[in-house]
Amino acid sequence: MSATPKVSVITPAYKAARYIGQAIESVQAQTLTDWEMIIVDDASPDETTQVVQRYLDDPRIKLIRSERNRGECGARNLALEAAQGEWIAPLDADDWFAPERLEHLWRFAHEKGTLMAADLMLQIDDEGTMYGAAFSDLWKPPTQPTRYSVRDYLYAHIAVQPLIMHQHIVDHGLKYPEGVVLGGDHIFRTQLQLKGAELWVLPETTYFYRIHPSSAISTHGNRIEKVNALYERLLQLEGIRDNPELIRCVQADKRRRLLTDRYRRFALAVKRRQWRTAWQNFSFEIAAMFMKRMPGAIYRRLWAREQLKNPRAGV
């Protein structure tokens, strides 16, 4: 590993003993070998530290143990402070990379001269069931390399884990928003773009996003107070609070998010034949969403299967 590696992979880990090994091994398998991986054990009560220690014979892997639980954003900030790489690549402890991911994003970022390059995240559960790309509930994933403005990002709530130019983070003193339980990474990426980082997205599924019951989105995603806290924080950001267009984008996304959460409760109740709960969440908007989403759900399943066969095939 060079004194200044090309990429610093930053990984917050809390109760991640079951999954962290796969995340580490996916980084070790990268075709781009000039990287460091900084793992922050966020005061886990399980064997997360012991699992990571098995990999510390690789000098590119570094372990930081937090004495107290700082939350995902706090752990990411500890990793950022320790990072030495030219680029930052966030990786959640329960997710993993395809072997070519870092090399493709690194080369693409240099070709485009961009400060932030991302790919598509394939959602997959512990049983191997695929749920399509976690890209946007509003827009389909791109079929060719595509640039998205901050307005696009906020309005469509684009979900990505980008490769980020480290110096851009340092120059603007950016950090993950500690104290935010839901959507801290979304706020961080918004700040990056408000400070001038263009977002380019490749139509490749080389980030694997694991869905499981103890993930942050599963735990907090449907709690209205957490959703409200996310959007309140966004509306307070410099660059948004005095921009009527971006305020409208954030407010529109919030309305859709709350409606989507209500739809999920309705659809789950129907699936479980819990008719009273389904009726409590029913509205004409929910009915319209149900009819609209049926073809999309079929499309995403077929798309996911094809992507797993050929990650570079596009959509």
Protein backbone atom coordinates (compact mmCIF):
# COMPACT_ATOMS: atom_id res chain seq x y z
CA MET A 1 0.00 0.00 0.00
CA SER A 2 1.35 3.45 -0.90
CA ALA A 3 1.60 6.28 1.65
CA THR A 4 -1.37 7.88 -0.10
CA PRO A 5 -3.53 5.05 -1.44
CA LYS A 6 -5.84 5.67 -4.35
CA VAL A 7 -8.94 4.78 -2.30
CA SER A 8 -9.90 4.72 1.37
CA VAL A 9 -12.83 2.40 2.00
CA ILE A 10 -14.63 3.56 5.16
CA THR A 11 -16.86 1.12 7.03
CA PRO A 12 -18.83 1.80 10.21
CA ALA A 13 -19.60 -1.45 12.02
CA TYR A 14 -22.09 -2.07 14.81
CA LYS A 15 -23.15 -5.59 15.70
CA ALA A 16 -21.76 -6.63 12.31
CA ALA A 17 -20.01 -9.89 13.24
CA ARG A 18 -22.27 -11.90 10.94
CA TYR A 19 -21.54 -9.85 7.81
CA ILE A 20 -18.29 -7.89 8.16
CA GLY A 21 -16.10 -10.75 6.89
CA GLN A 22 -17.81 -10.73 3.49
CA ALA A 23 -17.46 -6.95 3.25
CA ILE A 24 -13.71 -7.16 3.99
CA GLU A 25 -13.10 -10.03 1.59
CA SER A 26 -14.91 -8.16 -1.20
CA VAL A 27 -12.46 -5.28 -0.76
CA GLN A 28 -9.49 -7.63 -0.69
CA ALA A 29 -10.72 -9.08 -4.00
CA GLN A 30 -10.65 -5.70 -5.80
CA THR A 31 -8.83 -5.47 -9.11
CA LEU A 32 -7.61 -2.06 -7.95
CA THR A 33 -5.20 -3.06 -5.21
CA ASP A 34 -3.96 0.34 -3.97
CA TRP A 35 -6.51 0.88 -1.20
CA GLU A 36 -6.87 1.05 2.53
CA MET A 37 -9.92 -0.07 4.49
CA ILE A 38 -10.75 1.73 7.71
CA ILE A 39 -13.26 -0.10 9.88
CA VAL A 40 -14.74 1.62 12.93
CA ASP A 41 -16.23 -0.75 15.48
CA ASP A 42 -18.87 1.48 17.05
CA ALA A 43 -18.75 -0.11 20.53
CA SER A 44 -20.38 -3.32 19.29
CA PRO A 45 -21.60 -5.72 21.99
CA ASP A 46 -20.99 -8.72 19.72
CA GLU A 47 -17.80 -10.20 18.21
CA THR A 48 -17.36 -7.61 15.46
CA THR A 49 -13.85 -6.67 16.64
CA GLN A 50 -12.76 -10.29 16.90
CA VAL A 51 -13.90 -10.99 13.34
CA VAL A 52 -12.07 -7.95 11.96
CA GLN A 53 -8.90 -8.89 13.85
CA ARG A 54 -8.66 -12.07 11.76
CA TYR A 55 -7.94 -9.87 8.73
CA LEU A 56 -5.42 -7.47 10.25
CA ASP A 57 -2.46 -9.39 8.83
CA ASP A 58 -3.33 -7.43 5.67
CA PRO A 59 -1.61 -4.05 6.36
CA ARG A 60 -4.18 -2.25 4.21
CA ILE A 61 -6.90 -2.98 6.78
CA LYS A 62 -7.13 -0.79 9.86
CA LEU A 63 -9.42 -1.14 12.87
CA ILE A 64 -10.56 1.73 15.06
CA ARG A 65 -12.53 0.89 18.19
CA SER A 66 -14.85 3.56 19.53
CA GLU A 67 -15.19 3.55 23.31
CA ARG A 68 -18.80 4.67 23.02
CA ASN A 69 -21.54 4.19 20.49
CA ARG A 70 -21.48 7.26 18.24
CA GLY A 71 -24.01 6.08 15.68
CA GLU A 72 -23.35 5.36 12.02
CA CYS A 73 -22.60 8.98 11.12
CA GLY A 74 -20.22 9.41 14.04
CA ALA A 75 -18.39 6.21 13.11
CA ARG A 76 -18.08 7.37 9.51
CA ASN A 77 -16.57 10.65 10.71
CA LEU A 78 -13.95 8.76 12.75
CA ALA A 79 -13.05 6.83 9.60
CA LEU A 80 -12.86 10.04 7.54
CA GLU A 81 -10.48 11.59 10.05
CA ALA A 82 -8.14 8.61 9.72
CA ALA A 83 -8.41 8.23 5.92
CA GLN A 84 -5.31 8.89 3.81
CA GLY A 85 -6.63 8.00 0.36
CA GLU A 86 -7.20 10.30 -2.60
CA TRP A 87 -10.76 9.00 -2.87
CA ILE A 88 -13.31 7.91 -0.28
CA ALA A 89 -15.52 4.85 -0.86
CA PRO A 90 -18.19 4.24 1.82
CA LEU A 91 -19.09 0.59 2.38
CA ASP A 92 -21.63 -0.52 4.96
CA ALA A 93 -20.55 -3.48 7.09
CA ASP A 94 -23.40 -5.67 5.81
CA ASP A 95 -22.85 -4.87 2.11
CA TRP A 96 -20.14 -5.86 -0.36
CA PHE A 97 -18.42 -4.87 -3.63
CA ALA A 98 -18.08 -6.68 -6.94
CA PRO A 99 -14.33 -7.23 -7.65
CA GLU A 100 -14.09 -4.61 -10.39
CA ARG A 101 -16.04 -1.87 -8.62
CA LEU A 102 -13.31 0.43 -7.33
CA GLU A 103 -11.26 0.23 -10.52
CA HIS A 104 -14.25 1.05 -12.74
CA LEU A 105 -15.36 4.01 -10.62
CA TRP A 106 -11.82 5.33 -10.20
CA ARG A 107 -11.14 5.23 -13.95
CA PHE A 108 -14.54 6.70 -14.80
CA ALA A 109 -14.13 9.58 -12.32
CA HIS A 110 -10.78 10.47 -13.90
CA GLU A 111 -12.18 10.25 -17.43
CA LYS A 112 -15.08 12.57 -16.59
CA GLY A 113 -13.07 14.84 -14.32
CA THR A 114 -15.82 14.53 -11.72
CA LEU A 115 -15.54 14.65 -7.93
CA MET A 116 -18.19 11.99 -7.35
CA ALA A 117 -18.91 8.81 -9.33
CA ALA A 118 -21.37 6.08 -8.43
CA ASP A 119 -22.92 2.90 -9.75
CA LEU A 120 -26.16 1.05 -9.05
CA MET A 121 -26.87 -0.84 -5.85
CA LEU A 122 -28.47 -4.23 -6.25
CA GLN A 123 -30.78 -5.04 -3.33
CA ILE A 124 -30.47 -8.62 -2.14
CA ASP A 125 -31.51 -10.42 1.02
CA ASP A 126 -29.86 -13.20 3.03
CA GLU A 127 -31.67 -15.84 0.99
CA GLY A 128 -30.35 -14.44 -2.28
CA THR A 129 -33.67 -12.93 -3.37
CA MET A 130 -33.09 -9.85 -5.54
CA TYR A 131 -35.26 -6.73 -5.37
CA GLY A 132 -33.85 -4.59 -8.14
CA ALA A 133 -31.78 -1.44 -7.90
CA ALA A 134 -32.11 0.80 -4.86
CA PHE A 135 -31.99 3.87 -7.11
CA SER A 136 -35.20 5.90 -6.92
CA ASP A 137 -38.89 5.27 -6.37
CA LEU A 138 -39.58 7.91 -9.01
CA TRP A 139 -37.08 7.29 -11.81
CA LYS A 140 -35.70 4.17 -13.45
CA PRO A 141 -31.95 3.50 -13.20
CA PRO A 142 -29.89 5.00 -16.05
CA THR A 143 -29.05 2.95 -19.12
CA GLN A 144 -25.87 4.93 -19.86
CA PRO A 145 -23.47 7.07 -17.81
CA THR A 146 -25.61 9.95 -16.60
CA ARG A 147 -25.02 13.19 -14.71
CA TYR A 148 -27.56 14.22 -12.08
CA SER A 149 -27.89 17.73 -10.68
CA VAL A 150 -28.50 18.42 -7.00
CA ARG A 151 -32.09 19.21 -7.98
CA ASP A 152 -32.40 15.77 -9.61
CA TYR A 153 -30.82 14.13 -6.60
CA LEU A 154 -33.17 15.75 -4.09
CA TYR A 155 -36.35 15.49 -6.14
CA ALA A 156 -35.94 11.82 -7.06
CA HIS A 157 -34.12 10.89 -3.81
CA ILE A 158 -31.43 9.03 -5.72
CA ALA A 159 -29.82 6.25 -3.68
CA VAL A 160 -26.13 5.61 -4.40
CA GLN A 161 -22.84 4.97 -2.55
CA PRO A 162 -20.40 7.09 -4.56
CA LEU A 163 -16.66 7.28 -4.84
CA ILE A 164 -15.79 10.78 -3.58
CA MET A 165 -12.73 12.97 -4.05
CA HIS A 166 -11.26 13.22 -0.54
CA GLN A 167 -9.86 16.72 -1.01
CA HIS A 168 -13.36 18.05 -1.79
CA ILE A 169 -14.52 16.83 1.62
CA VAL A 170 -11.51 18.39 3.35
CA ASP A 171 -11.69 21.71 1.47
CA HIS A 172 -15.27 22.31 2.61
CA GLY A 173 -14.97 20.80 6.08
CA LEU A 174 -17.78 18.36 5.43
CA LYS A 175 -18.85 15.69 7.90
CA TYR A 176 -21.67 13.23 8.29
CA PRO A 177 -24.46 14.76 10.44
CA GLU A 178 -24.13 13.12 13.84
CA GLY A 179 -27.35 12.61 15.76
CA VAL A 180 -29.30 11.76 12.59
CA VAL A 181 -30.49 8.14 12.73
CA LEU A 182 -32.07 7.96 9.27
CA GLY A 183 -30.62 9.39 6.07
CA GLY A 184 -27.32 10.77 7.34
CA ASP A 185 -25.54 9.61 4.19
CA HIS A 186 -28.25 11.29 2.06
CA ILE A 187 -27.59 14.60 3.85
CA PHE A 188 -23.82 14.17 3.42
CA ARG A 189 -24.12 13.53 -0.31
CA THR A 190 -26.41 16.54 -0.63
CA GLN A 191 -23.77 18.73 1.01
CA LEU A 192 -21.14 17.41 -1.41
CA GLN A 193 -23.27 18.47 -4.35
CA LEU A 194 -24.23 21.83 -2.88
CA LYS A 195 -20.48 22.50 -2.68
CA GLY A 196 -19.99 21.73 -6.36
CA ALA A 197 -19.46 17.98 -6.72
CA GLU A 198 -21.31 16.70 -9.79
CA LEU A 199 -22.84 13.24 -9.45
CA TRP A 200 -22.27 10.80 -12.31
CA VAL A 201 -23.84 7.35 -12.23
CA LEU A 202 -22.72 4.31 -14.20
CA PRO A 203 -25.35 1.72 -15.24
CA GLU A 204 -23.45 -1.10 -13.50
CA THR A 205 -24.59 -3.09 -10.47
CA THR A 206 -21.32 -3.54 -8.61
CA TYR A 207 -22.48 -2.52 -5.11
CA PHE A 208 -24.53 -5.16 -3.31
CA TYR A 209 -26.96 -3.74 -0.76
CA ARG A 210 -28.10 -6.28 1.78
CA ILE A 211 -31.68 -6.18 3.07
CA HIS A 212 -32.19 -7.74 6.49
CA PRO A 213 -34.40 -7.10 9.55
CA SER A 214 -31.70 -5.40 11.66
CA SER A 215 -30.52 -2.92 9.03
CA ALA A 216 -30.98 0.81 9.72
CA ILE A 217 -33.60 1.24 7.01
CA SER A 218 -35.55 -1.77 8.28
CA THR A 219 -35.33 -0.54 11.88
CA HIS A 220 -36.02 3.16 11.37
CA GLY A 221 -37.33 3.57 7.84
CA ASN A 222 -41.03 3.67 8.74
CA ARG A 223 -40.78 5.77 11.89
CA ILE A 224 -42.40 9.08 11.04
CA GLU A 225 -40.39 11.09 13.58
CA LYS A 226 -37.12 9.87 12.00
CA VAL A 227 -38.37 10.73 8.52
CA ASN A 228 -39.38 14.21 9.68
CA ALA A 229 -35.97 14.75 11.31
CA LEU A 230 -34.22 13.87 8.03
CA TYR A 231 -36.17 16.42 5.98
CA GLU A 232 -35.95 19.13 8.62
CA ARG A 233 -32.17 18.75 8.56
CA LEU A 234 -32.11 18.96 4.76
CA LEU A 235 -34.20 22.13 4.74
CA GLN A 236 -31.74 23.76 7.15
CA LEU A 237 -28.71 23.20 4.91
CA GLU A 238 -26.93 26.21 3.49
CA GLY A 239 -27.78 26.24 -0.20
CA ILE A 240 -31.26 24.84 0.34
CA ARG A 241 -32.87 27.03 3.00
CA ASP A 242 -32.74 30.12 0.73
CA ASN A 243 -33.43 28.28 -2.54
CA PRO A 244 -37.19 27.99 -3.28
CA GLU A 245 -36.69 25.42 -6.03
CA LEU A 246 -34.66 23.06 -3.85
CA ILE A 247 -37.07 23.57 -0.95
CA ARG A 248 -39.90 22.42 -3.22
CA CYS A 249 -37.85 19.38 -4.26
CA VAL A 250 -37.25 18.38 -0.64
CA GLN A 251 -40.89 18.91 0.31
CA ALA A 252 -42.11 16.89 -2.68
CA ASP A 253 -39.75 14.05 -1.78
CA LYS A 254 -40.98 14.11 1.83
CA ARG A 255 -44.62 13.84 0.72
CA ARG A 256 -43.78 10.88 -1.50
CA ARG A 257 -41.73 9.26 1.25
CA LEU A 258 -44.57 9.42 3.75
CA LEU A 259 -47.04 8.15 1.14
CA THR A 260 -44.63 5.33 0.20
CA ASP A 261 -44.28 4.28 3.84
CA ARG A 262 -48.06 4.21 4.13
CA TYR A 263 -48.27 2.17 0.92
CA ARG A 264 -45.78 -0.36 2.28
CA ARG A 265 -47.87 -0.81 5.41
CA PHE A 266 -50.95 -1.28 3.21
CA ALA A 267 -49.25 -3.77 0.86
CA LEU A 268 -47.80 -5.78 3.77
CA ALA A 269 -51.20 -5.93 5.45
CA VAL A 270 -52.80 -7.17 2.22
CA LYS A 271 -50.07 -9.80 1.83
CA ARG A 272 -50.70 -10.99 5.40
CA ARG A 273 -54.48 -10.69 5.00
CA GLN A 274 -54.66 -8.20 7.84
CA TRP A 275 -57.69 -6.47 6.41
CA ARG A 276 -58.29 -4.00 9.25
CA THR A 277 -54.72 -2.67 9.02
CA ALA A 278 -54.98 -2.53 5.23
CA TRP A 279 -58.19 -0.52 5.46
CA GLN A 280 -56.64 1.90 7.98
CA ASN A 281 -53.87 2.68 5.47
CA PHE A 282 -56.10 2.73 2.39
CA SER A 283 -56.82 5.83 0.31
CA PHE A 284 -57.40 6.58 -3.36
CA GLU A 285 -53.75 7.63 -3.58
CA ILE A 286 -52.70 4.25 -2.18
CA ALA A 287 -54.96 2.43 -4.64
CA ALA A 288 -53.48 4.40 -7.55
CA MET A 289 -49.96 3.66 -6.33
CA PHE A 290 -50.78 -0.05 -6.03
CA MET A 291 -51.99 -0.23 -9.64
CA LYS A 292 -49.06 1.82 -10.88
CA ARG A 293 -46.42 -0.22 -9.07
CA MET A 294 -47.49 -3.68 -10.15
CA PRO A 295 -45.80 -3.51 -13.61
CA GLY A 296 -42.74 -1.84 -12.06
CA ALA A 297 -42.31 -4.60 -9.51
CA ILE A 298 -42.33 -7.22 -12.26
CA TYR A 299 -39.87 -5.12 -14.29
CA ARG A 300 -37.44 -4.77 -11.36
CA ARG A 301 -37.41 -8.51 -10.66
CA LEU A 302 -36.61 -9.34 -14.28
CA TRP A 303 -34.01 -6.55 -14.42
CA ALA A 304 -32.30 -7.76 -11.23
CA ARG A 305 -31.94 -11.29 -12.55
CA GLU A 306 -30.34 -10.05 -15.75
CA GLN A 307 -27.99 -7.72 -13.85
CA LEU A 308 -26.76 -10.51 -11.59
CA LYS A 309 -25.85 -12.51 -14.69
CA ASN A 310 -24.07 -9.55 -16.31
CA PRO A 311 -23.36 -6.53 -14.03
CA ARG A 312 -22.22 -4.37 -16.94
CA ALA A 313 -25.23 -5.02 -19.13
CA GLY A 314 -27.07 -1.88 -18.09
CA VAL A 315 -30.85 -1.79 -17.80
